[in-house]
Amino acid sequence: VQLQASGGGLVQAGGSLRLSCAASGTIFSWNAMSWYRQAPGKQRELVASIISDGSTNYADTVKGRFTISRDNAKNTMYLQMNILKPEDTGIYYCRLDRRGVSYWGQGTQVTVSS
């Protein structure tokens, strides 16, 4: 399984970005896909996840601002990020869980200026 994250960049506070995570390889029967982020000097934290049945989960800090989705035909997961805040700055990683194994993408940098 390979994951390719993209879509990061520099944006002003209040702006929007959409991240993409393209999956390839043997991904059928995947269980969950998630976005994590890691700010400088902090631990990696869960931002949002989507389960194979379509249910979603969000960190309290992004509820109402971020939306996770997936396009099964394209094997791609998205994270629409609106009303961005400086504290959303960090490297965003995508993760896929399948049959007890977790796979990580390489990360994409998101920087929100105040």
C-alpha atoms as a PDB file:
ATOM      1  CA  VAL A   1       0.000   0.000   0.000  1.00  0.00           C
ATOM      2  CA  GLN A   2       1.290   3.452  -0.907  1.00  0.00           C
ATOM      3  CA  LEU A   3      -0.229   6.743   0.186  1.00  0.00           C
ATOM      4  CA  GLN A   4       0.528  10.072  -1.473  1.00  0.00           C
ATOM      5  CA  ALA A   5      -0.604  13.191   0.385  1.00  0.00           C
ATOM      6  CA  SER A   6      -0.844  16.553  -1.357  1.00  0.00           C
ATOM      7  CA  GLY A   7      -2.570  19.916  -1.195  1.00  0.00           C
ATOM      8  CA  GLY A   8      -0.719  21.607   1.620  1.00  0.00           C
ATOM      9  CA  GLY A   9       0.526  25.159   1.429  1.00  0.00           C
ATOM     10  CA  LEU A  10       0.624  28.584   3.011  1.00  0.00           C
ATOM     11  CA  VAL A  11      -2.692  30.277   3.724  1.00  0.00           C
ATOM     12  CA  GLN A  12      -3.879  33.192   5.801  1.00  0.00           C
ATOM     13  CA  ALA A  13      -6.034  32.673   8.854  1.00  0.00           C
ATOM     14  CA  GLY A  14      -9.646  32.263   7.840  1.00  0.00           C
ATOM     15  CA  GLY A  15      -8.709  30.689   4.541  1.00  0.00           C
ATOM     16  CA  SER A  16      -9.265  27.200   3.183  1.00  0.00           C
ATOM     17  CA  LEU A  17      -7.249  24.287   1.846  1.00  0.00           C
ATOM     18  CA  ARG A  18      -8.162  20.844   0.569  1.00  0.00           C
ATOM     19  CA  LEU A  19      -5.789  17.981   1.188  1.00  0.00           C
ATOM     20  CA  SER A  20      -5.812  14.806  -0.867  1.00  0.00           C
ATOM     21  CA  CYS A  21      -4.464  11.355  -0.098  1.00  0.00           C
ATOM     22  CA  ALA A  22      -4.226   9.003  -3.051  1.00  0.00           C
ATOM     23  CA  ALA A  23      -3.940   5.320  -2.191  1.00  0.00           C
ATOM     24  CA  SER A  24      -2.514   2.626  -4.417  1.00  0.00           C
ATOM     25  CA  GLY A  25      -1.665  -1.025  -4.097  1.00  0.00           C
ATOM     26  CA  THR A  26      -3.729  -3.650  -2.302  1.00  0.00           C
ATOM     27  CA  ILE A  27      -6.267  -1.555  -0.450  1.00  0.00           C
ATOM     28  CA  PHE A  28      -9.512  -3.509  -0.802  1.00  0.00           C
ATOM     29  CA  SER A  29     -11.147  -4.357   2.518  1.00  0.00           C
ATOM     30  CA  TRP A  30      -9.565  -1.327   4.168  1.00  0.00           C
ATOM     31  CA  ASN A  31     -10.993  -0.555   7.601  1.00  0.00           C
ATOM     32  CA  ALA A  32     -10.342   3.135   8.133  1.00  0.00           C
ATOM     33  CA  MET A  33      -8.532   6.119   6.693  1.00  0.00           C
ATOM     34  CA  SER A  34      -7.413   9.041   8.773  1.00  0.00           C
ATOM     35  CA  TRP A  35      -5.671  12.386   8.780  1.00  0.00           C
ATOM     36  CA  TYR A  36      -3.154  13.178  11.490  1.00  0.00           C
ATOM     37  CA  ARG A  37      -1.095  16.280  12.018  1.00  0.00           C
ATOM     38  CA  GLN A  38       2.081  17.117  13.851  1.00  0.00           C
ATOM     39  CA  ALA A  39       2.972  20.633  14.921  1.00  0.00           C
ATOM     40  CA  PRO A  40       6.589  21.560  15.702  1.00  0.00           C
ATOM     41  CA  GLY A  41       7.566  20.217  19.090  1.00  0.00           C
ATOM     42  CA  LYS A  42       4.286  18.376  19.559  1.00  0.00           C
ATOM     43  CA  GLN A  43       3.110  14.815  19.210  1.00  0.00           C
ATOM     44  CA  ARG A  44       1.230  13.635  16.191  1.00  0.00           C
ATOM     45  CA  GLU A  45      -2.519  13.900  16.770  1.00  0.00           C
ATOM     46  CA  LEU A  46      -5.619  12.557  15.090  1.00  0.00           C
ATOM     47  CA  VAL A  47      -7.523  15.160  13.100  1.00  0.00           C
ATOM     48  CA  ALA A  48     -10.269  13.146  11.427  1.00  0.00           C
ATOM     49  CA  SER A  49     -11.054   9.607  10.369  1.00  0.00           C
ATOM     50  CA  ILE A  50     -13.494   7.848   8.095  1.00  0.00           C
ATOM     51  CA  ILE A  51     -14.524   4.254   8.511  1.00  0.00           C
ATOM     52  CA  SER A  52     -15.312   1.854   5.681  1.00  0.00           C
ATOM     53  CA  ASP A  53     -19.043   2.189   6.419  1.00  0.00           C
ATOM     54  CA  GLY A  54     -18.766   5.928   5.839  1.00  0.00           C
ATOM     55  CA  SER A  55     -18.959   7.085   9.439  1.00  0.00           C
ATOM     56  CA  THR A  56     -16.632   9.901  10.418  1.00  0.00           C
ATOM     57  CA  ASN A  57     -14.914  11.175  13.528  1.00  0.00           C
ATOM     58  CA  TYR A  58     -13.262  14.527  14.227  1.00  0.00           C
ATOM     59  CA  ALA A  59     -11.025  16.043  16.847  1.00  0.00           C
ATOM     60  CA  ASP A  60     -12.903  18.628  18.895  1.00  0.00           C
ATOM     61  CA  THR A  61     -10.530  21.332  17.681  1.00  0.00           C
ATOM     62  CA  VAL A  62     -11.620  20.931  14.047  1.00  0.00           C
ATOM     63  CA  LYS A  63     -15.299  20.036  14.348  1.00  0.00           C
ATOM     64  CA  GLY A  64     -17.430  22.296  12.222  1.00  0.00           C
ATOM     65  CA  ARG A  65     -14.440  23.508  10.206  1.00  0.00           C
ATOM     66  CA  PHE A  66     -12.949  20.368   8.611  1.00  0.00           C
ATOM     67  CA  THR A  67     -14.681  17.716   6.539  1.00  0.00           C
ATOM     68  CA  ILE A  68     -13.228  14.320   5.704  1.00  0.00           C
ATOM     69  CA  SER A  69     -14.472  12.419   2.675  1.00  0.00           C
ATOM     70  CA  ARG A  70     -13.425   9.734   0.247  1.00  0.00           C
ATOM     71  CA  ASP A  71     -13.899   8.871  -3.397  1.00  0.00           C
ATOM     72  CA  ASN A  72     -13.792   5.105  -3.703  1.00  0.00           C
ATOM     73  CA  ALA A  73     -13.615   5.212  -7.485  1.00  0.00           C
ATOM     74  CA  LYS A  74     -10.408   7.260  -7.272  1.00  0.00           C
ATOM     75  CA  ASN A  75      -9.044   5.552  -4.142  1.00  0.00           C
ATOM     76  CA  THR A  76      -8.599   9.015  -2.706  1.00  0.00           C
ATOM     77  CA  MET A  77      -9.384  10.583   0.645  1.00  0.00           C
ATOM     78  CA  TYR A  78      -9.849  14.302   1.151  1.00  0.00           C
ATOM     79  CA  LEU A  79      -9.743  16.775   3.993  1.00  0.00           C
ATOM     80  CA  GLN A  80     -11.532  20.037   3.334  1.00  0.00           C
ATOM     81  CA  MET A  81     -10.225  22.582   5.819  1.00  0.00           C
ATOM     82  CA  ASN A  82     -12.112  25.836   6.276  1.00  0.00           C
ATOM     83  CA  ILE A  83     -11.726  28.768   8.650  1.00  0.00           C
ATOM     84  CA  LEU A  84      -8.103  27.822   9.178  1.00  0.00           C
ATOM     85  CA  LYS A  85      -6.342  29.038  12.297  1.00  0.00           C
ATOM     86  CA  PRO A  86      -2.617  29.458  13.036  1.00  0.00           C
ATOM     87  CA  GLU A  87      -2.867  26.526  15.429  1.00  0.00           C
ATOM     88  CA  ASP A  88      -3.783  24.291  12.493  1.00  0.00           C
ATOM     89  CA  THR A  89      -0.202  24.654  11.262  1.00  0.00           C
ATOM     90  CA  GLY A  90       1.709  21.414  10.980  1.00  0.00           C
ATOM     91  CA  ILE A  91       2.570  18.489   8.792  1.00  0.00           C
ATOM     92  CA  TYR A  92      -0.533  16.541   7.819  1.00  0.00           C
ATOM     93  CA  TYR A  93      -0.218  12.803   7.332  1.00  0.00           C
ATOM     94  CA  CYS A  94      -2.712  10.368   5.936  1.00  0.00           C
ATOM     95  CA  ARG A  95      -3.040   6.862   7.256  1.00  0.00           C
ATOM     96  CA  LEU A  96      -4.829   3.743   6.068  1.00  0.00           C
ATOM     97  CA  ASP A  97      -5.667   0.832   8.342  1.00  0.00           C
ATOM     98  CA  ARG A  98      -6.224  -2.548   6.749  1.00  0.00           C
ATOM     99  CA  ARG A  99      -6.403  -5.917   8.436  1.00  0.00           C
ATOM    100  CA  GLY A 100      -4.542  -4.770  11.510  1.00  0.00           C
ATOM    101  CA  VAL A 101      -1.760  -2.977   9.633  1.00  0.00           C
ATOM    102  CA  SER A 102      -1.350   0.813   9.429  1.00  0.00           C
ATOM    103  CA  TYR A 103       0.166   2.543   6.420  1.00  0.00           C
ATOM    104  CA  TRP A 104       1.345   6.159   6.402  1.00  0.00           C
ATOM    105  CA  GLY A 105       1.828   8.727   3.688  1.00  0.00           C
ATOM    106  CA  GLN A 106       4.778  11.084   3.572  1.00  0.00           C
ATOM    107  CA  GLY A 107       3.006  14.192   4.893  1.00  0.00           C
ATOM    108  CA  THR A 108       2.157  17.582   3.465  1.00  0.00           C
ATOM    109  CA  GLN A 109       2.950  20.893   5.156  1.00  0.00           C
ATOM    110  CA  VAL A 110       0.154  23.264   6.109  1.00  0.00           C
ATOM    111  CA  THR A 111       1.104  26.719   7.343  1.00  0.00           C
ATOM    112  CA  VAL A 112      -1.517  29.196   8.497  1.00  0.00           C
ATOM    113  CA  SER A 113      -0.343  32.759   8.993  1.00  0.00           C
ATOM    114  CA  SER A 114      -2.036  35.153  11.370  1.00  0.00           C
END
